Amino acid sequence: ERFFIGDNDKTRCDVCYTQAFFLMFLILLSLHILASLSVDRCFLLSQPIKYKKKCKPVFAVVTIISLWFICSFVMILPVFGFGEWEFNRSMALCIARWQPFE
């Protein structure tokens, strides 16, 4: 049976790892951005006067860029041996399986 992207196991593993990285990265990034927006809105509602002084557009840009770096760092950890990418047959997805250093 021919795989539409490649014939050998190395290509299949590379496709699986790439798919897993981007899937988990985007899920993690979405959750963190939603959480930061919730904290931002909570701060706006609880302290509206201080909000206008402290929360500038630069702060939002720095927050989003830092979230991108943090999520990228977390999702690159399996490359360095903390966790691994694996194919989950029940979900038909490649996902990260986290495990501690041994």
PDB file of N, CA and C in Angstrom:
ATOM      1  N   GLU A   1       0.845  -1.183   0.000  1.00  0.00           N
ATOM      2  CA  GLU A   1       0.000   0.000   0.000  1.00  0.00           C
ATOM      3  C   GLU A   1       0.886   1.240   0.000  1.00  0.00           C
ATOM      4  N   ARG A   2       0.616   2.140  -0.893  1.00  0.00           N
ATOM      5  CA  ARG A   2       1.432   3.341  -1.048  1.00  0.00           C
ATOM      6  C   ARG A   2       0.854   4.490  -0.229  1.00  0.00           C
ATOM      7  N   PHE A   3       1.736   5.119   0.534  1.00  0.00           N
ATOM      8  CA  PHE A   3       1.380   6.305   1.314  1.00  0.00           C
ATOM      9  C   PHE A   3       1.477   7.506   0.380  1.00  0.00           C
ATOM     10  N   PHE A   4       0.519   8.390   0.439  1.00  0.00           N
ATOM     11  CA  PHE A   4       0.466   9.468  -0.558  1.00  0.00           C
ATOM     12  C   PHE A   4       1.622  10.454  -0.449  1.00  0.00           C
ATOM     13  N   ILE A   5       2.350  10.486   0.659  1.00  0.00           N
ATOM     14  CA  ILE A   5       3.460  11.424   0.801  1.00  0.00           C
ATOM     15  C   ILE A   5       4.811  10.734   0.616  1.00  0.00           C
ATOM     16  N   GLY A   6       4.913   9.477   0.995  1.00  0.00           N
ATOM     17  CA  GLY A   6       6.190   8.786   0.847  1.00  0.00           C
ATOM     18  C   GLY A   6       6.034   7.296   1.009  1.00  0.00           C
ATOM     19  N   ASP A   7       7.054   6.586   0.566  1.00  0.00           N
ATOM     20  CA  ASP A   7       6.989   5.138   0.599  1.00  0.00           C
ATOM     21  C   ASP A   7       7.683   4.521   1.811  1.00  0.00           C
ATOM     22  N   ASN A   8       8.669   5.192   2.362  1.00  0.00           N
ATOM     23  CA  ASN A   8       9.437   4.563   3.439  1.00  0.00           C
ATOM     24  C   ASN A   8       8.986   5.037   4.814  1.00  0.00           C
ATOM     25  N   ASP A   9       9.435   4.315   5.832  1.00  0.00           N
ATOM     26  CA  ASP A   9       9.035   4.636   7.213  1.00  0.00           C
ATOM     27  C   ASP A   9       9.596   5.965   7.690  1.00  0.00           C
ATOM     28  N   LYS A  10      10.775   6.333   7.224  1.00  0.00           N
ATOM     29  CA  LYS A  10      11.370   7.615   7.633  1.00  0.00           C
ATOM     30  C   LYS A  10      10.469   8.772   7.209  1.00  0.00           C
ATOM     31  N   THR A  11       9.964   8.746   6.013  1.00  0.00           N
ATOM     32  CA  THR A  11       9.073   9.813   5.526  1.00  0.00           C
ATOM     33  C   THR A  11       7.782   9.815   6.325  1.00  0.00           C
ATOM     34  N   ARG A  12       7.240   8.650   6.598  1.00  0.00           N
ATOM     35  CA  ARG A  12       6.006   8.569   7.387  1.00  0.00           C
ATOM     36  C   ARG A  12       6.213   9.131   8.784  1.00  0.00           C
ATOM     37  N   CYS A  13       7.349   8.804   9.403  1.00  0.00           N
ATOM     38  CA  CYS A  13       7.632   9.332  10.744  1.00  0.00           C
ATOM     39  C   CYS A  13       7.808  10.845  10.707  1.00  0.00           C
ATOM     40  N   ASP A  14       8.496  11.351   9.699  1.00  0.00           N
ATOM     41  CA  ASP A  14       8.686  12.799   9.589  1.00  0.00           C
ATOM     42  C   ASP A  14       7.354  13.521   9.421  1.00  0.00           C
ATOM     43  N   VAL A  15       6.474  12.962   8.614  1.00  0.00           N
ATOM     44  CA  VAL A  15       5.148  13.559   8.425  1.00  0.00           C
ATOM     45  C   VAL A  15       4.374  13.510   9.741  1.00  0.00           C
ATOM     46  N   CYS A  16       4.459  12.393  10.444  1.00  0.00           N
ATOM     47  CA  CYS A  16       3.770  12.244  11.729  1.00  0.00           C
ATOM     48  C   CYS A  16       4.281  13.266  12.745  1.00  0.00           C
ATOM     49  N   TYR A  17       5.602  13.411  12.842  1.00  0.00           N
ATOM     50  CA  TYR A  17       6.191  14.356  13.802  1.00  0.00           C
ATOM     51  C   TYR A  17       5.824  15.795  13.465  1.00  0.00           C
ATOM     52  N   THR A  18       5.832  16.121  12.189  1.00  0.00           N
ATOM     53  CA  THR A  18       5.477  17.480  11.775  1.00  0.00           C
ATOM     54  C   THR A  18       4.014  17.773  12.082  1.00  0.00           C
ATOM     55  N   GLN A  19       3.161  16.819  11.760  1.00  0.00           N
ATOM     56  CA  GLN A  19       1.728  16.987  12.049  1.00  0.00           C
ATOM     57  C   GLN A  19       1.492  17.113  13.543  1.00  0.00           C
ATOM     58  N   ALA A  20       2.175  16.293  14.329  1.00  0.00           N
ATOM     59  CA  ALA A  20       2.006  16.332  15.782  1.00  0.00           C
ATOM     60  C   ALA A  20       2.482  17.669  16.351  1.00  0.00           C
ATOM     61  N   PHE A  21       3.628  18.142  15.880  1.00  0.00           N
ATOM     62  CA  PHE A  21       4.156  19.415  16.373  1.00  0.00           C
ATOM     63  C   PHE A  21       3.164  20.539  16.122  1.00  0.00           C
ATOM     64  N   PHE A  22       2.703  20.664  14.877  1.00  0.00           N
ATOM     65  CA  PHE A  22       1.830  21.782  14.550  1.00  0.00           C
ATOM     66  C   PHE A  22       0.454  21.653  15.201  1.00  0.00           C
ATOM     67  N   LEU A  23      -0.072  20.459  15.280  1.00  0.00           N
ATOM     68  CA  LEU A  23      -1.370  20.267  15.924  1.00  0.00           C
ATOM     69  C   LEU A  23      -1.299  20.645  17.403  1.00  0.00           C
ATOM     70  N   MET A  24      -0.342  20.078  18.103  1.00  0.00           N
ATOM     71  CA  MET A  24      -0.225  20.350  19.539  1.00  0.00           C
ATOM     72  C   MET A  24       0.180  21.805  19.799  1.00  0.00           C
ATOM     73  N   PHE A  25       1.049  22.352  18.946  1.00  0.00           N
ATOM     74  CA  PHE A  25       1.464  23.745  19.089  1.00  0.00           C
ATOM     75  C   PHE A  25       0.273  24.684  18.963  1.00  0.00           C
ATOM     76  N   LEU A  26      -0.546  24.476  17.944  1.00  0.00           N
ATOM     77  CA  LEU A  26      -1.692  25.367  17.725  1.00  0.00           C
ATOM     78  C   LEU A  26      -2.748  25.216  18.814  1.00  0.00           C
ATOM     79  N   ILE A  27      -2.946  23.997  19.303  1.00  0.00           N
ATOM     80  CA  ILE A  27      -3.888  23.804  20.410  1.00  0.00           C
ATOM     81  C   ILE A  27      -3.388  24.513  21.653  1.00  0.00           C
ATOM     82  N   LEU A  28      -2.116  24.314  21.987  1.00  0.00           N
ATOM     83  CA  LEU A  28      -1.528  24.943  23.168  1.00  0.00           C
ATOM     84  C   LEU A  28      -1.540  26.464  23.046  1.00  0.00           C
ATOM     85  N   LEU A  29      -1.193  26.966  21.870  1.00  0.00           N
ATOM     86  CA  LEU A  29      -1.180  28.414  21.654  1.00  0.00           C
ATOM     87  C   LEU A  29      -2.586  29.001  21.776  1.00  0.00           C
ATOM     88  N   SER A  30      -3.571  28.331  21.219  1.00  0.00           N
ATOM     89  CA  SER A  30      -4.953  28.819  21.308  1.00  0.00           C
ATOM     90  C   SER A  30      -5.425  28.900  22.752  1.00  0.00           C
ATOM     91  N   LEU A  31      -5.133  27.870  23.509  1.00  0.00           N
ATOM     92  CA  LEU A  31      -5.547  27.871  24.913  1.00  0.00           C
ATOM     93  C   LEU A  31      -4.864  28.979  25.710  1.00  0.00           C
ATOM     94  N   HIS A  32      -3.582  29.182  25.463  1.00  0.00           N
ATOM     95  CA  HIS A  32      -2.870  30.225  26.199  1.00  0.00           C
ATOM     96  C   HIS A  32      -3.319  31.627  25.788  1.00  0.00           C
ATOM     97  N   ILE A  33      -3.605  31.834  24.522  1.00  0.00           N
ATOM     98  CA  ILE A  33      -4.098  33.147  24.101  1.00  0.00           C
ATOM     99  C   ILE A  33      -5.476  33.418  24.698  1.00  0.00           C
ATOM    100  N   LEU A  34      -6.334  32.405  24.708  1.00  0.00           N
ATOM    101  CA  LEU A  34      -7.646  32.588  25.346  1.00  0.00           C
ATOM    102  C   LEU A  34      -7.509  32.890  26.832  1.00  0.00           C
ATOM    103  N   ALA A  35      -6.588  32.211  27.496  1.00  0.00           N
ATOM    104  CA  ALA A  35      -6.364  32.475  28.924  1.00  0.00           C
ATOM    105  C   ALA A  35      -5.846  33.895  29.141  1.00  0.00           C
ATOM    106  N   SER A  36      -4.919  34.340  28.305  1.00  0.00           N
ATOM    107  CA  SER A  36      -4.393  35.697  28.472  1.00  0.00           C
ATOM    108  C   SER A  36      -5.458  36.753  28.173  1.00  0.00           C
ATOM    109  N   LEU A  37      -6.321  36.481  27.196  1.00  0.00           N
ATOM    110  CA  LEU A  37      -7.428  37.399  26.928  1.00  0.00           C
ATOM    111  C   LEU A  37      -8.394  37.453  28.109  1.00  0.00           C
ATOM    112  N   SER A  38      -8.628  36.315  28.737  1.00  0.00           N
ATOM    113  CA  SER A  38      -9.513  36.287  29.905  1.00  0.00           C
ATOM    114  C   SER A  38      -8.934  37.087  31.055  1.00  0.00           C
ATOM    115  N   VAL A  39      -7.641  36.947  31.285  1.00  0.00           N
ATOM    116  CA  VAL A  39      -6.988  37.728  32.346  1.00  0.00           C
ATOM    117  C   VAL A  39      -7.039  39.210  31.999  1.00  0.00           C
ATOM    118  N   ASP A  40      -6.806  39.543  30.748  1.00  0.00           N
ATOM    119  CA  ASP A  40      -6.861  40.936  30.298  1.00  0.00           C
ATOM    120  C   ASP A  40      -8.256  41.531  30.516  1.00  0.00           C
ATOM    121  N   ARG A  41      -9.286  40.793  30.136  1.00  0.00           N
ATOM    122  CA  ARG A  41     -10.661  41.285  30.320  1.00  0.00           C
ATOM    123  C   ARG A  41     -11.024  41.390  31.796  1.00  0.00           C
ATOM    124  N   CYS A  42     -10.553  40.457  32.587  1.00  0.00           N
ATOM    125  CA  CYS A  42     -10.816  40.505  34.032  1.00  0.00           C
ATOM    126  C   CYS A  42     -10.174  41.749  34.647  1.00  0.00           C
ATOM    127  N   PHE A  43      -8.935  42.035  34.216  1.00  0.00           N
ATOM    128  CA  PHE A  43      -8.251  43.236  34.697  1.00  0.00           C
ATOM    129  C   PHE A  43      -8.985  44.493  34.241  1.00  0.00           C
ATOM    130  N   LEU A  44      -9.502  44.490  33.013  1.00  0.00           N
ATOM    131  CA  LEU A  44     -10.264  45.629  32.501  1.00  0.00           C
ATOM    132  C   LEU A  44     -11.516  45.870  33.332  1.00  0.00           C
ATOM    133  N   LEU A  45     -12.227  44.806  33.674  1.00  0.00           N
ATOM    134  CA  LEU A  45     -13.475  44.958  34.429  1.00  0.00           C
ATOM    135  C   LEU A  45     -13.240  45.293  35.896  1.00  0.00           C
ATOM    136  N   SER A  46     -12.159  44.761  36.464  1.00  0.00           N
ATOM    137  CA  SER A  46     -11.937  44.990  37.896  1.00  0.00           C
ATOM    138  C   SER A  46     -11.231  46.316  38.183  1.00  0.00           C
ATOM    139  N   GLN A  47     -10.368  46.773  37.255  1.00  0.00           N
ATOM    140  CA  GLN A  47      -9.632  48.020  37.480  1.00  0.00           C
ATOM    141  C   GLN A  47      -9.572  48.835  36.190  1.00  0.00           C
ATOM    142  N   PRO A  48     -10.674  49.443  35.789  1.00  0.00           N
ATOM    143  CA  PRO A  48     -10.711  50.130  34.488  1.00  0.00           C
ATOM    144  C   PRO A  48      -9.784  51.341  34.378  1.00  0.00           C
ATOM    145  N   ILE A  49      -9.557  52.043  35.464  1.00  0.00           N
ATOM    146  CA  ILE A  49      -8.697  53.231  35.394  1.00  0.00           C
ATOM    147  C   ILE A  49      -7.233  52.828  35.221  1.00  0.00           C
ATOM    148  N   LYS A  50      -6.792  51.836  35.986  1.00  0.00           N
ATOM    149  CA  LYS A  50      -5.414  51.362  35.860  1.00  0.00           C
ATOM    150  C   LYS A  50      -5.192  50.658  34.521  1.00  0.00           C
ATOM    151  N   TYR A  51      -6.233  50.065  33.992  1.00  0.00           N
ATOM    152  CA  TYR A  51      -6.109  49.330  32.732  1.00  0.00           C
ATOM    153  C   TYR A  51      -5.675  50.249  31.598  1.00  0.00           C
ATOM    154  N   LYS A  52      -6.275  51.435  31.517  1.00  0.00           N
ATOM    155  CA  LYS A  52      -5.936  52.368  30.440  1.00  0.00           C
ATOM    156  C   LYS A  52      -4.492  52.849  30.542  1.00  0.00           C
ATOM    157  N   LYS A  53      -3.971  52.921  31.770  1.00  0.00           N
ATOM    158  CA  LYS A  53      -2.589  53.371  31.955  1.00  0.00           C
ATOM    159  C   LYS A  53      -1.575  52.264  31.678  1.00  0.00           C
ATOM    160  N   LYS A  54      -1.886  51.039  32.086  1.00  0.00           N
ATOM    161  CA  LYS A  54      -0.906  49.951  32.014  1.00  0.00           C
ATOM    162  C   LYS A  54      -0.983  49.120  30.748  1.00  0.00           C
ATOM    163  N   CYS A  55      -2.152  48.879  30.225  1.00  0.00           N
ATOM    164  CA  CYS A  55      -2.308  47.966  29.088  1.00  0.00           C
ATOM    165  C   CYS A  55      -2.325  48.724  27.777  1.00  0.00           C
ATOM    166  N   LYS A  56      -1.167  48.827  27.184  1.00  0.00           N
ATOM    167  CA  LYS A  56      -1.004  49.490  25.887  1.00  0.00           C
ATOM    168  C   LYS A  56      -0.909  48.412  24.797  1.00  0.00           C
ATOM    169  N   PRO A  57      -1.042  48.800  23.530  1.00  0.00           N
ATOM    170  CA  PRO A  57      -0.907  47.820  22.447  1.00  0.00           C
ATOM    171  C   PRO A  57       0.444  47.097  22.436  1.00  0.00           C
ATOM    172  N   VAL A  58       1.497  47.774  22.872  1.00  0.00           N
ATOM    173  CA  VAL A  58       2.817  47.141  22.936  1.00  0.00           C
ATOM    174  C   VAL A  58       2.793  45.956  23.903  1.00  0.00           C
ATOM    175  N   PHE A  59       2.081  46.105  25.004  1.00  0.00           N
ATOM    176  CA  PHE A  59       1.969  45.021  25.976  1.00  0.00           C
ATOM    177  C   PHE A  59       1.281  43.808  25.360  1.00  0.00           C
ATOM    178  N   ALA A  60       0.254  44.031  24.577  1.00  0.00           N
ATOM    179  CA  ALA A  60      -0.446  42.929  23.912  1.00  0.00           C
ATOM    180  C   ALA A  60       0.455  42.223  22.907  1.00  0.00           C
ATOM    181  N   VAL A  61       1.222  42.988  22.146  1.00  0.00           N
ATOM    182  CA  VAL A  61       2.132  42.394  21.169  1.00  0.00           C
ATOM    183  C   VAL A  61       3.218  41.580  21.867  1.00  0.00           C
ATOM    184  N   VAL A  62       3.783  42.114  22.925  1.00  0.00           N
ATOM    185  CA  VAL A  62       4.814  41.397  23.687  1.00  0.00           C
ATOM    186  C   VAL A  62       4.233  40.118  24.297  1.00  0.00           C
ATOM    187  N   THR A  63       3.018  40.191  24.796  1.00  0.00           N
ATOM    188  CA  THR A  63       2.370  39.006  25.358  1.00  0.00           C
ATOM    189  C   THR A  63       2.174  37.925  24.299  1.00  0.00           C
ATOM    190  N   ILE A  64       1.685  38.299  23.146  1.00  0.00           N
ATOM    191  CA  ILE A  64       1.447  37.317  22.089  1.00  0.00           C
ATOM    192  C   ILE A  64       2.754  36.712  21.589  1.00  0.00           C
ATOM    193  N   ILE A  65       3.770  37.530  21.400  1.00  0.00           N
ATOM    194  CA  ILE A  65       5.067  37.006  20.950  1.00  0.00           C
ATOM    195  C   ILE A  65       5.667  36.078  21.993  1.00  0.00           C
ATOM    196  N   SER A  66       5.567  36.443  23.266  1.00  0.00           N
ATOM    197  CA  SER A  66       6.102  35.566  24.314  1.00  0.00           C
ATOM    198  C   SER A  66       5.323  34.253  24.379  1.00  0.00           C
ATOM    199  N   LEU A  67       4.022  34.292  24.158  1.00  0.00           N
ATOM    200  CA  LEU A  67       3.249  33.050  24.127  1.00  0.00           C
ATOM    201  C   LEU A  67       3.684  32.158  22.967  1.00  0.00           C
ATOM    202  N   TRP A  68       3.976  32.746  21.822  1.00  0.00           N
ATOM    203  CA  TRP A  68       4.473  31.958  20.689  1.00  0.00           C
ATOM    204  C   TRP A  68       5.786  31.275  21.054  1.00  0.00           C
ATOM    205  N   PHE A  69       6.705  32.010  21.695  1.00  0.00           N
ATOM    206  CA  PHE A  69       7.987  31.416  22.066  1.00  0.00           C
ATOM    207  C   PHE A  69       7.825  30.331  23.120  1.00  0.00           C
ATOM    208  N   ILE A  70       6.983  30.569  24.109  1.00  0.00           N
ATOM    209  CA  ILE A  70       6.774  29.569  25.163  1.00  0.00           C
ATOM    210  C   ILE A  70       6.167  28.293  24.585  1.00  0.00           C
ATOM    211  N   CYS A  71       5.157  28.434  23.757  1.00  0.00           N
ATOM    212  CA  CYS A  71       4.521  27.252  23.154  1.00  0.00           C
ATOM    213  C   CYS A  71       5.481  26.525  22.223  1.00  0.00           C
ATOM    214  N   SER A  72       6.290  27.265  21.489  1.00  0.00           N
ATOM    215  CA  SER A  72       7.294  26.631  20.626  1.00  0.00           C
ATOM    216  C   SER A  72       8.298  25.845  21.448  1.00  0.00           C
ATOM    217  N   PHE A  73       8.733  26.424  22.558  1.00  0.00           N
ATOM    218  CA  PHE A  73       9.692  25.741  23.432  1.00  0.00           C
ATOM    219  C   PHE A  73       9.098  24.455  24.000  1.00  0.00           C
ATOM    220  N   VAL A  74       7.864  24.524  24.470  1.00  0.00           N
ATOM    221  CA  VAL A  74       7.223  23.336  25.048  1.00  0.00           C
ATOM    222  C   VAL A  74       7.065  22.242  23.998  1.00  0.00           C
ATOM    223  N   MET A  75       6.705  22.611  22.780  1.00  0.00           N
ATOM    224  CA  MET A  75       6.458  21.601  21.760  1.00  0.00           C
ATOM    225  C   MET A  75       7.740  21.072  21.125  1.00  0.00           C
ATOM    226  N   ILE A  76       8.869  21.740  21.340  1.00  0.00           N
ATOM    227  CA  ILE A  76      10.134  21.246  20.805  1.00  0.00           C
ATOM    228  C   ILE A  76      10.815  20.304  21.801  1.00  0.00           C
ATOM    229  N   LEU A  77      10.310  20.203  23.022  1.00  0.00           N
ATOM    230  CA  LEU A  77      10.924  19.346  24.040  1.00  0.00           C
ATOM    231  C   LEU A  77      11.074  17.881  23.625  1.00  0.00           C
ATOM    232  N   PRO A  78      10.116  17.277  22.914  1.00  0.00           N
ATOM    233  CA  PRO A  78      10.335  15.881  22.496  1.00  0.00           C
ATOM    234  C   PRO A  78      11.564  15.679  21.605  1.00  0.00           C
ATOM    235  N   VAL A  79      11.983  16.705  20.916  1.00  0.00           N
ATOM    236  CA  VAL A  79      13.189  16.597  20.095  1.00  0.00           C
ATOM    237  C   VAL A  79      14.414  16.383  20.985  1.00  0.00           C
ATOM    238  N   PHE A  80      14.387  16.937  22.187  1.00  0.00           N
ATOM    239  CA  PHE A  80      15.512  16.834  23.112  1.00  0.00           C
ATOM    240  C   PHE A  80      15.365  15.687  24.104  1.00  0.00           C
ATOM    241  N   GLY A  81      14.367  14.842  23.921  1.00  0.00           N
ATOM    242  CA  GLY A  81      14.249  13.647  24.748  1.00  0.00           C
ATOM    243  C   GLY A  81      13.225  13.708  25.865  1.00  0.00           C
ATOM    244  N   PHE A  82      12.618  14.843  26.085  1.00  0.00           N
ATOM    245  CA  PHE A  82      11.581  14.927  27.116  1.00  0.00           C
ATOM    246  C   PHE A  82      10.243  14.673  26.450  1.00  0.00           C
ATOM    247  N   GLY A  83       9.810  13.435  26.536  1.00  0.00           N
ATOM    248  CA  GLY A  83       8.599  13.027  25.840  1.00  0.00           C
ATOM    249  C   GLY A  83       8.940  12.526  24.445  1.00  0.00           C
ATOM    250  N   GLU A  84       7.928  12.104  23.727  1.00  0.00           N
ATOM    251  CA  GLU A  84       8.141  11.619  22.371  1.00  0.00           C
ATOM    252  C   GLU A  84       6.858  11.761  21.580  1.00  0.00           C
ATOM    253  N   TRP A  85       7.013  11.758  20.265  1.00  0.00           N
ATOM    254  CA  TRP A  85       5.861  11.791  19.381  1.00  0.00           C
ATOM    255  C   TRP A  85       5.454  10.355  19.109  1.00  0.00           C
ATOM    256  N   GLU A  86       4.165  10.095  19.131  1.00  0.00           N
ATOM    257  CA  GLU A  86       3.691   8.745  18.828  1.00  0.00           C
ATOM    258  C   GLU A  86       2.361   8.810  18.089  1.00  0.00           C
ATOM    259  N   PHE A  87       2.098   7.769  17.321  1.00  0.00           N
ATOM    260  CA  PHE A  87       0.851   7.684  16.581  1.00  0.00           C
ATOM    261  C   PHE A  87      -0.201   7.055  17.482  1.00  0.00           C
ATOM    262  N   ASN A  88      -1.309   7.742  17.662  1.00  0.00           N
ATOM    263  CA  ASN A  88      -2.410   7.240  18.477  1.00  0.00           C
ATOM    264  C   ASN A  88      -3.480   6.716  17.525  1.00  0.00           C
ATOM    265  N   ARG A  89      -3.625   5.397  17.483  1.00  0.00           N
ATOM    266  CA  ARG A  89      -4.553   4.788  16.522  1.00  0.00           C
ATOM    267  C   ARG A  89      -6.009   5.123  16.826  1.00  0.00           C
ATOM    268  N   SER A  90      -6.367   5.267  18.087  1.00  0.00           N
ATOM    269  CA  SER A  90      -7.773   5.541  18.410  1.00  0.00           C
ATOM    270  C   SER A  90      -8.222   6.913  17.897  1.00  0.00           C
ATOM    271  N   MET A  91      -7.304   7.895  17.895  1.00  0.00           N
ATOM    272  CA  MET A  91      -7.631   9.227  17.386  1.00  0.00           C
ATOM    273  C   MET A  91      -7.146   9.436  15.962  1.00  0.00           C
ATOM    274  N   ALA A  92      -6.351   8.489  15.447  1.00  0.00           N
ATOM    275  CA  ALA A  92      -5.741   8.592  14.114  1.00  0.00           C
ATOM    276  C   ALA A  92      -4.913   9.871  13.989  1.00  0.00           C
ATOM    277  N   LEU A  93      -4.170  10.192  15.053  1.00  0.00           N
ATOM    278  CA  LEU A  93      -3.327  11.384  15.091  1.00  0.00           C
ATOM    279  C   LEU A  93      -1.979  11.046  15.693  1.00  0.00           C
ATOM    280  N   CYS A  94      -0.987  11.821  15.345  1.00  0.00           N
ATOM    281  CA  CYS A  94       0.284  11.782  16.048  1.00  0.00           C
ATOM    282  C   CYS A  94       0.221  12.849  17.135  1.00  0.00           C
ATOM    283  N   ILE A  95       0.547  12.472  18.348  1.00  0.00           N
ATOM    284  CA  ILE A  95       0.494  13.404  19.472  1.00  0.00           C
ATOM    285  C   ILE A  95       1.737  13.219  20.334  1.00  0.00           C
ATOM    286  N   ALA A  96       1.959  14.158  21.230  1.00  0.00           N
ATOM    287  CA  ALA A  96       3.077  14.067  22.149  1.00  0.00           C
ATOM    288  C   ALA A  96       2.689  13.196  23.340  1.00  0.00           C
ATOM    289  N   ARG A  97       3.584  12.309  23.690  1.00  0.00           N
ATOM    290  CA  ARG A  97       3.413  11.518  24.913  1.00  0.00           C
ATOM    291  C   ARG A  97       4.496  11.999  25.862  1.00  0.00           C
ATOM    292  N   TRP A  98       4.091  12.657  26.929  1.00  0.00           N
ATOM    293  CA  TRP A  98       5.049  13.267  27.842  1.00  0.00           C
ATOM    294  C   TRP A  98       5.508  12.250  28.866  1.00  0.00           C
ATOM    295  N   GLN A  99       6.799  12.259  29.114  1.00  0.00           N
ATOM    296  CA  GLN A  99       7.370  11.390  30.132  1.00  0.00           C
ATOM    297  C   GLN A  99       8.539  12.131  30.789  1.00  0.00           C
ATOM    298  N   PRO A 100       8.808  11.866  32.044  1.00  0.00           N
ATOM    299  CA  PRO A 100       9.896  12.579  32.722  1.00  0.00           C
ATOM    300  C   PRO A 100      11.258  12.045  32.276  1.00  0.00           C
ATOM    301  N   PHE A 101      12.288  12.832  32.559  1.00  0.00           N
ATOM    302  CA  PHE A 101      13.659  12.379  32.283  1.00  0.00           C
ATOM    303  C   PHE A 101      13.966  11.182  33.152  1.00  0.00           C
ATOM    304  N   GLU A 102      14.731  10.260  32.597  1.00  0.00           N
ATOM    305  CA  GLU A 102      15.075   9.062  33.379  1.00  0.00           C
ATOM    306  C   GLU A 102      16.535   9.058  33.722  1.00  0.00           C
TER     307      GLU A 102
END
